[in-house]
């Protein structure tokens, strides 16, 4: 596959259907799943007239929630990413403990120097 074909293929993969799933109905409720999609790519040719080409493309997708349509009303139902929640909580806890530790060291130096 050459670079223009790869770019065309990548472009075709970036559609609203990557963000919004196919609606489906269950028990009189229409659900439209949604997500966050991010992607990137790159490519190049050989140097000094060499015959070489290379390219790559990638997509990352995470569910964000779904629209729920019931009785003519639309409601957003967020998806909870438990791994992200745990990671963020741990990062905040580590930052808090590190800042508290630094403050304690600074206060002990100030107290011991008689300032």
PDB file of N, CA and C in Angstrom:
ATOM      1  N   UNK A   1       0.861  -1.177   0.000  1.00  0.00           N
ATOM      2  CA  UNK A   1       0.000   0.000   0.000  1.00  0.00           C
ATOM      3  C   UNK A   1       0.904   1.235   0.000  1.00  0.00           C
ATOM      4  N   UNK A   2       0.667   2.157  -0.928  1.00  0.00           N
ATOM      5  CA  UNK A   2       1.480   3.367  -0.963  1.00  0.00           C
ATOM      6  C   UNK A   2       0.897   4.436  -0.035  1.00  0.00           C
ATOM      7  N   UNK A   3       1.636   5.514   0.133  1.00  0.00           N
ATOM      8  CA  UNK A   3       1.244   6.549   1.105  1.00  0.00           C
ATOM      9  C   UNK A   3      -0.111   7.173   0.776  1.00  0.00           C
ATOM     10  N   UNK A   4      -0.397   7.564  -0.476  1.00  0.00           N
ATOM     11  CA  UNK A   4      -1.730   8.126  -0.747  1.00  0.00           C
ATOM     12  C   UNK A   4      -2.869   7.165  -0.405  1.00  0.00           C
ATOM     13  N   UNK A   5      -2.680   5.866  -0.681  1.00  0.00           N
ATOM     14  CA  UNK A   5      -3.717   4.888  -0.328  1.00  0.00           C
ATOM     15  C   UNK A   5      -3.881   4.789   1.181  1.00  0.00           C
ATOM     16  N   UNK A   6      -2.754   4.818   1.900  1.00  0.00           N
ATOM     17  CA  UNK A   6      -2.811   4.747   3.359  1.00  0.00           C
ATOM     18  C   UNK A   6      -3.526   5.962   3.936  1.00  0.00           C
ATOM     19  N   UNK A   7      -3.207   7.139   3.407  1.00  0.00           N
ATOM     20  CA  UNK A   7      -3.864   8.361   3.886  1.00  0.00           C
ATOM     21  C   UNK A   7      -5.358   8.309   3.581  1.00  0.00           C
ATOM     22  N   UNK A   8      -5.716   7.826   2.390  1.00  0.00           N
ATOM     23  CA  UNK A   8      -7.132   7.690   2.041  1.00  0.00           C
ATOM     24  C   UNK A   8      -7.846   6.727   2.967  1.00  0.00           C
ATOM     25  N   UNK A   9      -7.199   5.626   3.284  1.00  0.00           N
ATOM     26  CA  UNK A   9      -7.778   4.642   4.203  1.00  0.00           C
ATOM     27  C   UNK A   9      -7.945   5.236   5.595  1.00  0.00           C
ATOM     28  N   UNK A  10      -6.927   5.967   6.056  1.00  0.00           N
ATOM     29  CA  UNK A  10      -7.004   6.601   7.375  1.00  0.00           C
ATOM     30  C   UNK A  10      -8.121   7.638   7.398  1.00  0.00           C
ATOM     31  N   UNK A  11      -8.215   8.432   6.340  1.00  0.00           N
ATOM     32  CA  UNK A  11      -9.248   9.468   6.279  1.00  0.00           C
ATOM     33  C   UNK A  11     -10.639   8.846   6.333  1.00  0.00           C
ATOM     34  N   UNK A  12     -10.817   7.728   5.642  1.00  0.00           N
ATOM     35  CA  UNK A  12     -12.113   7.052   5.640  1.00  0.00           C
ATOM     36  C   UNK A  12     -12.459   6.470   7.009  1.00  0.00           C
ATOM     37  N   UNK A  13     -11.452   6.202   7.828  1.00  0.00           N
ATOM     38  CA  UNK A  13     -11.722   5.634   9.154  1.00  0.00           C
ATOM     39  C   UNK A  13     -12.103   6.704  10.172  1.00  0.00           C
ATOM     40  N   UNK A  14     -11.875   7.974   9.832  1.00  0.00           N
ATOM     41  CA  UNK A  14     -12.221   9.064  10.750  1.00  0.00           C
ATOM     42  C   UNK A  14     -13.604   9.577  10.364  1.00  0.00           C
ATOM     43  N   UNK A  15     -14.619   9.037  11.003  1.00  0.00           N
ATOM     44  CA  UNK A  15     -15.995   9.441  10.726  1.00  0.00           C
ATOM     45  C   UNK A  15     -16.730   9.630  12.039  1.00  0.00           C
ATOM     46  N   UNK A  16     -17.900  10.227  11.957  1.00  0.00           N
ATOM     47  CA  UNK A  16     -18.722  10.405  13.159  1.00  0.00           C
ATOM     48  C   UNK A  16     -19.106   9.065  13.762  1.00  0.00           C
ATOM     49  N   UNK A  17     -19.111   8.005  12.942  1.00  0.00           N
ATOM     50  CA  UNK A  17     -19.454   6.680  13.468  1.00  0.00           C
ATOM     51  C   UNK A  17     -18.395   6.166  14.430  1.00  0.00           C
ATOM     52  N   UNK A  18     -17.206   6.748  14.399  1.00  0.00           N
ATOM     53  CA  UNK A  18     -16.178   6.386  15.378  1.00  0.00           C
ATOM     54  C   UNK A  18     -16.485   7.035  16.730  1.00  0.00           C
ATOM     55  N   UNK A  19     -17.230   8.127  16.715  1.00  0.00           N
ATOM     56  CA  UNK A  19     -17.582   8.837  17.946  1.00  0.00           C
ATOM     57  C   UNK A  19     -18.957   8.411  18.442  1.00  0.00           C
ATOM     58  N   UNK A  20     -19.905   8.298  17.530  1.00  0.00           N
ATOM     59  CA  UNK A  20     -21.267   7.889  17.877  1.00  0.00           C
ATOM     60  C   UNK A  20     -21.538   6.507  17.297  1.00  0.00           C
ATOM     61  N   UNK A  21     -21.971   5.601  18.136  1.00  0.00           N
ATOM     62  CA  UNK A  21     -22.310   4.254  17.680  1.00  0.00           C
ATOM     63  C   UNK A  21     -23.682   4.223  17.031  1.00  0.00           C
ATOM     64  N   UNK A  22     -24.015   3.083  16.483  1.00  0.00           N
ATOM     65  CA  UNK A  22     -25.328   2.900  15.874  1.00  0.00           C
ATOM     66  C   UNK A  22     -26.395   2.931  16.968  1.00  0.00           C
ATOM     67  N   UNK A  23     -27.455   3.720  16.778  1.00  0.00           N
ATOM     68  CA  UNK A  23     -28.532   3.737  17.772  1.00  0.00           C
ATOM     69  C   UNK A  23     -29.218   2.375  17.840  1.00  0.00           C
ATOM     70  N   UNK A  24     -29.640   2.013  19.017  1.00  0.00           N
ATOM     71  CA  UNK A  24     -30.428   0.789  19.165  1.00  0.00           C
ATOM     72  C   UNK A  24     -31.525   1.029  20.179  1.00  0.00           C
ATOM     73  N   UNK A  25     -32.591   0.233  20.071  1.00  0.00           N
ATOM     74  CA  UNK A  25     -33.754   0.399  20.945  1.00  0.00           C
ATOM     75  C   UNK A  25     -33.899  -0.822  21.836  1.00  0.00           C
ATOM     76  N   UNK A  26     -34.206  -0.549  23.095  1.00  0.00           N
ATOM     77  CA  UNK A  26     -34.446  -1.631  24.044  1.00  0.00           C
ATOM     78  C   UNK A  26     -35.497  -1.155  25.035  1.00  0.00           C
ATOM     79  N   UNK A  27     -36.610  -1.854  25.098  1.00  0.00           N
ATOM     80  CA  UNK A  27     -37.670  -1.506  26.040  1.00  0.00           C
ATOM     81  C   UNK A  27     -38.251  -0.123  25.826  1.00  0.00           C
ATOM     82  N   UNK A  28     -38.361   0.328  24.575  1.00  0.00           N
ATOM     83  CA  UNK A  28     -38.928   1.639  24.292  1.00  0.00           C
ATOM     84  C   UNK A  28     -37.954   2.790  24.499  1.00  0.00           C
ATOM     85  N   UNK A  29     -36.697   2.480  24.786  1.00  0.00           N
ATOM     86  CA  UNK A  29     -35.667   3.503  24.989  1.00  0.00           C
ATOM     87  C   UNK A  29     -34.641   3.375  23.869  1.00  0.00           C
ATOM     88  N   UNK A  30     -34.325   4.508  23.222  1.00  0.00           N
ATOM     89  CA  UNK A  30     -33.304   4.520  22.177  1.00  0.00           C
ATOM     90  C   UNK A  30     -31.986   4.945  22.818  1.00  0.00           C
ATOM     91  N   UNK A  31     -30.951   4.165  22.573  1.00  0.00           N
ATOM     92  CA  UNK A  31     -29.621   4.438  23.120  1.00  0.00           C
ATOM     93  C   UNK A  31     -28.678   4.756  21.964  1.00  0.00           C
ATOM     94  N   UNK A  32     -27.929   5.863  22.096  1.00  0.00           N
ATOM     95  CA  UNK A  32     -26.904   6.225  21.120  1.00  0.00           C
ATOM     96  C   UNK A  32     -25.581   6.326  21.875  1.00  0.00           C
ATOM     97  N   UNK A  33     -24.715   5.313  21.764  1.00  0.00           N
ATOM     98  CA  UNK A  33     -23.437   5.355  22.470  1.00  0.00           C
ATOM     99  C   UNK A  33     -22.507   6.405  21.860  1.00  0.00           C
ATOM    100  N   UNK A  34     -21.671   7.009  22.709  1.00  0.00           N
ATOM    101  CA  UNK A  34     -20.735   8.037  22.258  1.00  0.00           C
ATOM    102  C   UNK A  34     -19.369   7.784  22.872  1.00  0.00           C
ATOM    103  N   UNK A  35     -18.340   8.293  22.198  1.00  0.00           N
ATOM    104  CA  UNK A  35     -16.987   8.112  22.695  1.00  0.00           C
ATOM    105  C   UNK A  35     -16.084   9.251  22.275  1.00  0.00           C
ATOM    106  N   UNK A  36     -14.885   9.249  22.830  1.00  0.00           N
ATOM    107  CA  UNK A  36     -13.845  10.212  22.493  1.00  0.00           C
ATOM    108  C   UNK A  36     -12.852   9.481  21.609  1.00  0.00           C
ATOM    109  N   UNK A  37     -12.589  10.012  20.429  1.00  0.00           N
ATOM    110  CA  UNK A  37     -11.677   9.369  19.490  1.00  0.00           C
ATOM    111  C   UNK A  37     -10.570  10.344  19.139  1.00  0.00           C
ATOM    112  N   UNK A  38      -9.340   9.838  19.164  1.00  0.00           N
ATOM    113  CA  UNK A  38      -8.174  10.649  18.849  1.00  0.00           C
ATOM    114  C   UNK A  38      -7.272   9.824  17.958  1.00  0.00           C
ATOM    115  N   UNK A  39      -6.659  10.458  16.974  1.00  0.00           N
ATOM    116  CA  UNK A  39      -5.783   9.709  16.084  1.00  0.00           C
ATOM    117  C   UNK A  39      -4.685  10.575  15.514  1.00  0.00           C
ATOM    118  N   UNK A  40      -3.739   9.921  14.902  1.00  0.00           N
ATOM    119  CA  UNK A  40      -2.635  10.636  14.285  1.00  0.00           C
ATOM    120  C   UNK A  40      -1.890   9.720  13.337  1.00  0.00           C
ATOM    121  N   UNK A  41      -1.065  10.310  12.514  1.00  0.00           N
ATOM    122  CA  UNK A  41      -0.311   9.507  11.571  1.00  0.00           C
ATOM    123  C   UNK A  41       0.824  10.301  10.967  1.00  0.00           C
ATOM    124  N   UNK A  42       1.611   9.623  10.189  1.00  0.00           N
ATOM    125  CA  UNK A  42       2.728  10.273   9.529  1.00  0.00           C
ATOM    126  C   UNK A  42       3.321   9.353   8.486  1.00  0.00           C
ATOM    127  N   UNK A  43       4.174   9.909   7.652  1.00  0.00           N
ATOM    128  CA  UNK A  43       4.802   9.105   6.618  1.00  0.00           C
ATOM    129  C   UNK A  43       5.950   9.852   5.985  1.00  0.00           C
ATOM    130  N   UNK A  44       6.659   9.158   5.120  1.00  0.00           N
ATOM    131  CA  UNK A  44       7.783   9.791   4.454  1.00  0.00           C
ATOM    132  C   UNK A  44       8.328   8.944   3.325  1.00  0.00           C
ATOM    133  N   UNK A  45       9.240   9.553   2.557  1.00  0.00           N
ATOM    134  CA  UNK A  45       9.905   8.894   1.433  1.00  0.00           C
ATOM    135  C   UNK A  45      11.373   8.679   1.766  1.00  0.00           C
ATOM    136  N   UNK A  46      12.049   7.913   0.906  1.00  0.00           N
ATOM    137  CA  UNK A  46      13.474   7.652   1.081  1.00  0.00           C
ATOM    138  C   UNK A  46      14.309   8.906   0.867  1.00  0.00           C
ATOM    139  N   UNK A  47      15.495   8.907   1.429  1.00  0.00           N
ATOM    140  CA  UNK A  47      16.414  10.037   1.298  1.00  0.00           C
ATOM    141  C   UNK A  47      17.293   9.870   0.064  1.00  0.00           C
ATOM    142  N   UNK A  48      17.756  10.963  -0.495  1.00  0.00           N
ATOM    143  CA  UNK A  48      18.712  10.978  -1.606  1.00  0.00           C
ATOM    144  C   UNK A  48      18.274  10.116  -2.782  1.00  0.00           C
ATOM    145  N   UNK A  49      17.017  10.173  -3.126  1.00  0.00           N
ATOM    146  CA  UNK A  49      16.518   9.455  -4.285  1.00  0.00           C
ATOM    147  C   UNK A  49      16.327   7.964  -4.089  1.00  0.00           C
ATOM    148  N   UNK A  50      16.521   7.465  -2.895  1.00  0.00           N
ATOM    149  CA  UNK A  50      16.300   6.037  -2.644  1.00  0.00           C
ATOM    150  C   UNK A  50      14.815   5.733  -2.767  1.00  0.00           C
ATOM    151  N   UNK A  51      14.532   4.552  -3.230  1.00  0.00           N
ATOM    152  CA  UNK A  51      13.131   4.179  -3.406  1.00  0.00           C
ATOM    153  C   UNK A  51      12.642   3.512  -2.121  1.00  0.00           C
ATOM    154  N   UNK A  52      12.007   4.308  -1.278  1.00  0.00           N
ATOM    155  CA  UNK A  52      11.485   3.789  -0.011  1.00  0.00           C
ATOM    156  C   UNK A  52      10.337   4.671   0.439  1.00  0.00           C
ATOM    157  N   UNK A  53       9.384   4.060   1.068  1.00  0.00           N
ATOM    158  CA  UNK A  53       8.256   4.787   1.631  1.00  0.00           C
ATOM    159  C   UNK A  53       7.872   4.131   2.940  1.00  0.00           C
ATOM    160  N   UNK A  54       7.306   4.922   3.814  1.00  0.00           N
ATOM    161  CA  UNK A  54       6.799   4.377   5.065  1.00  0.00           C
ATOM    162  C   UNK A  54       5.730   5.289   5.628  1.00  0.00           C
ATOM    163  N   UNK A  55       4.798   4.693   6.327  1.00  0.00           N
ATOM    164  CA  UNK A  55       3.725   5.487   6.922  1.00  0.00           C
ATOM    165  C   UNK A  55       3.073   4.687   8.034  1.00  0.00           C
ATOM    166  N   UNK A  56       2.407   5.399   8.893  1.00  0.00           N
ATOM    167  CA  UNK A  56       1.687   4.750   9.980  1.00  0.00           C
ATOM    168  C   UNK A  56       0.523   5.607  10.436  1.00  0.00           C
ATOM    169  N   UNK A  57      -0.433   4.980  11.075  1.00  0.00           N
ATOM    170  CA  UNK A  57      -1.626   5.679  11.541  1.00  0.00           C
ATOM    171  C   UNK A  57      -2.173   4.929  12.740  1.00  0.00           C
ATOM    172  N   UNK A  58      -2.680   5.659  13.691  1.00  0.00           N
ATOM    173  CA  UNK A  58      -3.266   5.011  14.859  1.00  0.00           C
ATOM    174  C   UNK A  58      -4.459   5.782  15.393  1.00  0.00           C
ATOM    175  N   UNK A  59      -5.350   5.070  16.039  1.00  0.00           N
ATOM    176  CA  UNK A  59      -6.547   5.669  16.643  1.00  0.00           C
ATOM    177  C   UNK A  59      -6.686   5.137  18.056  1.00  0.00           C
ATOM    178  N   UNK A  60      -7.084   6.017  18.968  1.00  0.00           N
ATOM    179  CA  UNK A  60      -7.403   5.630  20.340  1.00  0.00           C
ATOM    180  C   UNK A  60      -8.845   6.055  20.586  1.00  0.00           C
ATOM    181  N   UNK A  61      -9.633   5.178  21.167  1.00  0.00           N
ATOM    182  CA  UNK A  61     -11.042   5.489  21.429  1.00  0.00           C
ATOM    183  C   UNK A  61     -11.413   5.073  22.847  1.00  0.00           C
ATOM    184  N   UNK A  62     -12.145   5.939  23.522  1.00  0.00           N
ATOM    185  CA  UNK A  62     -12.634   5.653  24.874  1.00  0.00           C
ATOM    186  C   UNK A  62     -14.121   5.977  24.933  1.00  0.00           C
ATOM    187  N   UNK A  63     -14.917   5.135  25.561  1.00  0.00           N
ATOM    188  CA  UNK A  63     -16.337   5.461  25.706  1.00  0.00           C
ATOM    189  C   UNK A  63     -16.519   6.642  26.659  1.00  0.00           C
ATOM    190  N   UNK A  64     -17.417   7.538  26.308  1.00  0.00           N
ATOM    191  CA  UNK A  64     -17.694   8.676  27.188  1.00  0.00           C
ATOM    192  C   UNK A  64     -19.094   8.621  27.775  1.00  0.00           C
ATOM    193  N   UNK A  65     -19.988   7.894  27.143  1.00  0.00           N
ATOM    194  CA  UNK A  65     -21.348   7.791  27.656  1.00  0.00           C
ATOM    195  C   UNK A  65     -22.313   7.459  26.540  1.00  0.00           C
ATOM    196  N   UNK A  66     -23.571   7.775  26.777  1.00  0.00           N
ATOM    197  CA  UNK A  66     -24.602   7.497  25.778  1.00  0.00           C
ATOM    198  C   UNK A  66     -25.750   8.480  25.938  1.00  0.00           C
ATOM    199  N   UNK A  67     -26.380   8.775  24.806  1.00  0.00           N
ATOM    200  CA  UNK A  67     -27.616   9.546  24.837  1.00  0.00           C
ATOM    201  C   UNK A  67     -28.759   8.556  24.975  1.00  0.00           C
ATOM    202  N   UNK A  68     -29.656   8.852  25.886  1.00  0.00           N
ATOM    203  CA  UNK A  68     -30.827   8.014  26.121  1.00  0.00           C
ATOM    204  C   UNK A  68     -32.053   8.816  25.709  1.00  0.00           C
ATOM    205  N   UNK A  69     -32.818   8.296  24.761  1.00  0.00           N
ATOM    206  CA  UNK A  69     -34.024   8.974  24.287  1.00  0.00           C
ATOM    207  C   UNK A  69     -35.219   8.146  24.736  1.00  0.00           C
ATOM    208  N   UNK A  70     -36.029   8.759  25.601  1.00  0.00           N
ATOM    209  CA  UNK A  70     -37.173   8.049  26.180  1.00  0.00           C
ATOM    210  C   UNK A  70     -38.335   9.024  26.288  1.00  0.00           C
ATOM    211  N   UNK A  71     -39.457   8.667  25.694  1.00  0.00           N
ATOM    212  CA  UNK A  71     -40.646   9.510  25.779  1.00  0.00           C
ATOM    213  C   UNK A  71     -40.437  10.910  25.235  1.00  0.00           C
ATOM    214  N   UNK A  72     -39.638  11.058  24.172  1.00  0.00           N
ATOM    215  CA  UNK A  72     -39.395  12.366  23.584  1.00  0.00           C
ATOM    216  C   UNK A  72     -38.383  13.214  24.333  1.00  0.00           C
ATOM    217  N   UNK A  73     -37.797  12.695  25.390  1.00  0.00           N
ATOM    218  CA  UNK A  73     -36.791  13.434  26.160  1.00  0.00           C
ATOM    219  C   UNK A  73     -35.425  12.793  25.955  1.00  0.00           C
ATOM    220  N   UNK A  74     -34.402  13.634  25.898  1.00  0.00           N
ATOM    221  CA  UNK A  74     -33.033  13.155  25.705  1.00  0.00           C
ATOM    222  C   UNK A  74     -32.246  13.399  26.984  1.00  0.00           C
ATOM    223  N   UNK A  75     -31.500  12.385  27.395  1.00  0.00           N
ATOM    224  CA  UNK A  75     -30.695  12.493  28.618  1.00  0.00           C
ATOM    225  C   UNK A  75     -29.307  11.940  28.321  1.00  0.00           C
ATOM    226  N   UNK A  76     -28.278  12.627  28.820  1.00  0.00           N
ATOM    227  CA  UNK A  76     -26.893  12.167  28.684  1.00  0.00           C
ATOM    228  C   UNK A  76     -26.546  11.298  29.889  1.00  0.00           C
ATOM    229  N   UNK A  77     -26.052  10.104  29.644  1.00  0.00           N
ATOM    230  CA  UNK A  77     -25.648   9.187  30.705  1.00  0.00           C
ATOM    231  C   UNK A  77     -24.143   8.972  30.557  1.00  0.00           C
ATOM    232  N   UNK A  78     -23.337   9.574  31.439  1.00  0.00           N
ATOM    233  CA  UNK A  78     -21.880   9.451  31.289  1.00  0.00           C
ATOM    234  C   UNK A  78     -21.381   8.044  31.616  1.00  0.00           C
ATOM    235  N   UNK A  79     -20.348   7.634  30.901  1.00  0.00           N
ATOM    236  CA  UNK A  79     -19.664   6.373  31.213  1.00  0.00           C
ATOM    237  C   UNK A  79     -18.562   6.697  32.210  1.00  0.00           C
ATOM    238  N   UNK A  80     -18.422   5.877  33.198  1.00  0.00           N
ATOM    239  CA  UNK A  80     -17.391   6.105  34.207  1.00  0.00           C
ATOM    240  C   UNK A  80     -16.232   5.168  33.915  1.00  0.00           C
ATOM    241  N   UNK A  81     -15.060   5.755  33.652  1.00  0.00           N
ATOM    242  CA  UNK A  81     -13.849   4.981  33.417  1.00  0.00           C
ATOM    243  C   UNK A  81     -13.186   4.759  34.773  1.00  0.00           C
ATOM    244  N   UNK A  82     -13.398   3.591  35.344  1.00  0.00           N
ATOM    245  CA  UNK A  82     -12.909   3.296  36.693  1.00  0.00           C
ATOM    246  C   UNK A  82     -11.386   3.383  36.751  1.00  0.00           C
ATOM    247  N   UNK A  83     -10.692   2.906  35.721  1.00  0.00           N
ATOM    248  CA  UNK A  83      -9.229   2.970  35.717  1.00  0.00           C
ATOM    249  C   UNK A  83      -8.739   4.413  35.756  1.00  0.00           C
ATOM    250  N   UNK A  84      -9.358   5.279  34.957  1.00  0.00           N
ATOM    251  CA  UNK A  84      -8.978   6.687  34.956  1.00  0.00           C
ATOM    252  C   UNK A  84      -9.279   7.325  36.306  1.00  0.00           C
ATOM    253  N   UNK A  85     -10.406   6.995  36.893  1.00  0.00           N
ATOM    254  CA  UNK A  85     -10.778   7.529  38.199  1.00  0.00           C
ATOM    255  C   UNK A  85      -9.767   7.113  39.268  1.00  0.00           C
ATOM    256  N   UNK A  86      -9.369   5.855  39.272  1.00  0.00           N
ATOM    257  CA  UNK A  86      -8.388   5.366  40.250  1.00  0.00           C
ATOM    258  C   UNK A  86      -7.037   6.033  40.026  1.00  0.00           C
ATOM    259  N   UNK A  87      -6.609   6.145  38.774  1.00  0.00           N
ATOM    260  CA  UNK A  87      -5.325   6.774  38.463  1.00  0.00           C
ATOM    261  C   UNK A  87      -5.318   8.236  38.882  1.00  0.00           C
ATOM    262  N   UNK A  88      -6.383   8.967  38.581  1.00  0.00           N
ATOM    263  CA  UNK A  88      -6.459  10.380  38.949  1.00  0.00           C
ATOM    264  C   UNK A  88      -6.469  10.549  40.463  1.00  0.00           C
ATOM    265  N   UNK A  89      -7.207   9.705  41.169  1.00  0.00           N
ATOM    266  CA  UNK A  89      -7.250   9.776  42.631  1.00  0.00           C
ATOM    267  C   UNK A  89      -5.877   9.503  43.218  1.00  0.00           C
ATOM    268  N   UNK A  90      -5.185   8.505  42.695  1.00  0.00           N
ATOM    269  CA  UNK A  90      -3.840   8.187  43.185  1.00  0.00           C
ATOM    270  C   UNK A  90      -2.877   9.339  42.911  1.00  0.00           C
ATOM    271  N   UNK A  91      -2.965   9.961  41.738  1.00  0.00           N
ATOM    272  CA  UNK A  91      -2.081  11.078  41.401  1.00  0.00           C
ATOM    273  C   UNK A  91      -2.311  12.261  42.335  1.00  0.00           C
ATOM    274  N   UNK A  92      -3.558  12.556  42.636  1.00  0.00           N
ATOM    275  CA  UNK A  92      -3.868  13.654  43.564  1.00  0.00           C
ATOM    276  C   UNK A  92      -3.341  13.330  44.957  1.00  0.00           C
ATOM    277  N   UNK A  93      -3.508  12.089  45.403  1.00  0.00           N
ATOM    278  CA  UNK A  93      -3.026  11.690  46.731  1.00  0.00           C
ATOM    279  C   UNK A  93      -1.509  11.802  46.814  1.00  0.00           C
ATOM    280  N   UNK A  94      -0.800  11.349  45.790  1.00  0.00           N
ATOM    281  CA  UNK A  94       0.667  11.437  45.785  1.00  0.00           C
ATOM    282  C   UNK A  94       1.108  12.892  45.791  1.00  0.00           C
ATOM    283  N   UNK A  95       0.480  13.731  44.986  1.00  0.00           N
ATOM    284  CA  UNK A  95       0.836  15.153  44.951  1.00  0.00           C
ATOM    285  C   UNK A  95       0.603  15.802  46.312  1.00  0.00           C
ATOM    286  N   UNK A  96      -0.500  15.474  46.960  1.00  0.00           N
ATOM    287  CA  UNK A  96      -0.798  16.028  48.283  1.00  0.00           C
ATOM    288  C   UNK A  96       0.254  15.586  49.299  1.00  0.00           C
ATOM    289  N   UNK A  97       0.568  14.310  49.315  1.00  0.00           N
ATOM    290  CA  UNK A  97       1.539  13.799  50.287  1.00  0.00           C
ATOM    291  C   UNK A  97       2.931  14.375  50.049  1.00  0.00           C
ATOM    292  N   UNK A  98       3.327  14.538  48.790  1.00  0.00           N
ATOM    293  CA  UNK A  98       4.640  15.127  48.497  1.00  0.00           C
ATOM    294  C   UNK A  98       4.695  16.587  48.937  1.00  0.00           C
ATOM    295  N   UNK A  99       3.633  17.352  48.683  1.00  0.00           N
ATOM    296  CA  UNK A  99       3.643  18.766  49.078  1.00  0.00           C
ATOM    297  C   UNK A  99       3.634  18.893  50.594  1.00  0.00           C
ATOM    298  N   UNK A 100       2.930  18.005  51.257  1.00  0.00           N
ATOM    299  CA  UNK A 100       2.894  18.017  52.724  1.00  0.00           C
ATOM    300  C   UNK A 100       4.266  17.673  53.303  1.00  0.00           C
ATOM    301  N   UNK A 101       4.941  16.707  52.691  1.00  0.00           N
ATOM    302  CA  UNK A 101       6.275  16.313  53.133  1.00  0.00           C
ATOM    303  C   UNK A 101       7.259  17.463  52.954  1.00  0.00           C
ATOM    304  N   UNK A 102       7.202  18.148  51.821  1.00  0.00           N
ATOM    305  CA  UNK A 102       8.092  19.293  51.588  1.00  0.00           C
ATOM    306  C   UNK A 102       7.833  20.400  52.596  1.00  0.00           C
ATOM    307  N   UNK A 103       6.565  20.673  52.862  1.00  0.00           N
ATOM    308  CA  UNK A 103       6.218  21.732  53.803  1.00  0.00           C
ATOM    309  C   UNK A 103       6.771  21.406  55.187  1.00  0.00           C
ATOM    310  N   UNK A 104       6.660  20.146  55.595  1.00  0.00           N
ATOM    311  CA  UNK A 104       7.162  19.732  56.906  1.00  0.00           C
ATOM    312  C   UNK A 104       8.670  19.917  56.979  1.00  0.00           C
ATOM    313  N   UNK A 105       9.402  19.554  55.905  1.00  0.00           N
ATOM    314  CA  UNK A 105      10.860  19.728  55.898  1.00  0.00           C
ATOM    315  C   UNK A 105      11.242  21.200  55.959  1.00  0.00           C
ATOM    316  N   UNK A 106      10.546  22.048  55.213  1.00  0.00           N
ATOM    317  CA  UNK A 106      10.851  23.483  55.223  1.00  0.00           C
ATOM    318  C   UNK A 106      10.575  24.066  56.602  1.00  0.00           C
ATOM    319  N   UNK A 107       9.465  23.684  57.211  1.00  0.00           N
ATOM    320  CA  UNK A 107       9.130  24.198  58.542  1.00  0.00           C
ATOM    321  C   UNK A 107      10.144  23.734  59.577  1.00  0.00           C
ATOM    322  N   UNK A 108      10.632  22.490  59.476  1.00  0.00           N
ATOM    323  CA  UNK A 108      11.606  22.003  60.455  1.00  0.00           C
ATOM    324  C   UNK A 108      12.939  22.717  60.286  1.00  0.00           C
ATOM    325  N   UNK A 109      13.337  23.042  59.062  1.00  0.00           N
ATOM    326  CA  UNK A 109      14.577  23.795  58.839  1.00  0.00           C
ATOM    327  C   UNK A 109      14.444  25.205  59.400  1.00  0.00           C
ATOM    328  N   UNK A 110      13.297  25.822  59.178  1.00  0.00           N
ATOM    329  CA  UNK A 110      13.069  27.185  59.660  1.00  0.00           C
ATOM    330  C   UNK A 110      13.087  27.212  61.183  1.00  0.00           C
ATOM    331  N   UNK A 111      12.469  26.231  61.811  1.00  0.00           N
ATOM    332  CA  UNK A 111      12.407  26.169  63.269  1.00  0.00           C
ATOM    333  C   UNK A 111      13.784  25.896  63.859  1.00  0.00           C
ATOM    334  N   UNK A 112      14.551  24.997  63.259  1.00  0.00           N
ATOM    335  CA  UNK A 112      15.860  24.645  63.814  1.00  0.00           C
ATOM    336  C   UNK A 112      16.886  25.741  63.598  1.00  0.00           C
ATOM    337  N   UNK A 113      16.705  26.604  62.585  1.00  0.00           N
ATOM    338  CA  UNK A 113      17.668  27.678  62.357  1.00  0.00           C
ATOM    339  C   UNK A 113      17.351  28.908  63.195  1.00  0.00           C
ATOM    340  N   UNK A 114      16.232  28.879  63.877  1.00  0.00           N
ATOM    341  CA  UNK A 114      15.879  29.982  64.767  1.00  0.00           C
ATOM    342  C   UNK A 114      15.302  31.178  64.060  1.00  0.00           C
ATOM    343  N   UNK A 115      14.814  31.019  62.873  1.00  0.00           N
ATOM    344  CA  UNK A 115      14.241  32.143  62.128  1.00  0.00           C
ATOM    345  C   UNK A 115      12.826  32.357  62.534  1.00  0.00           C
TER     346      UNK A 115
END
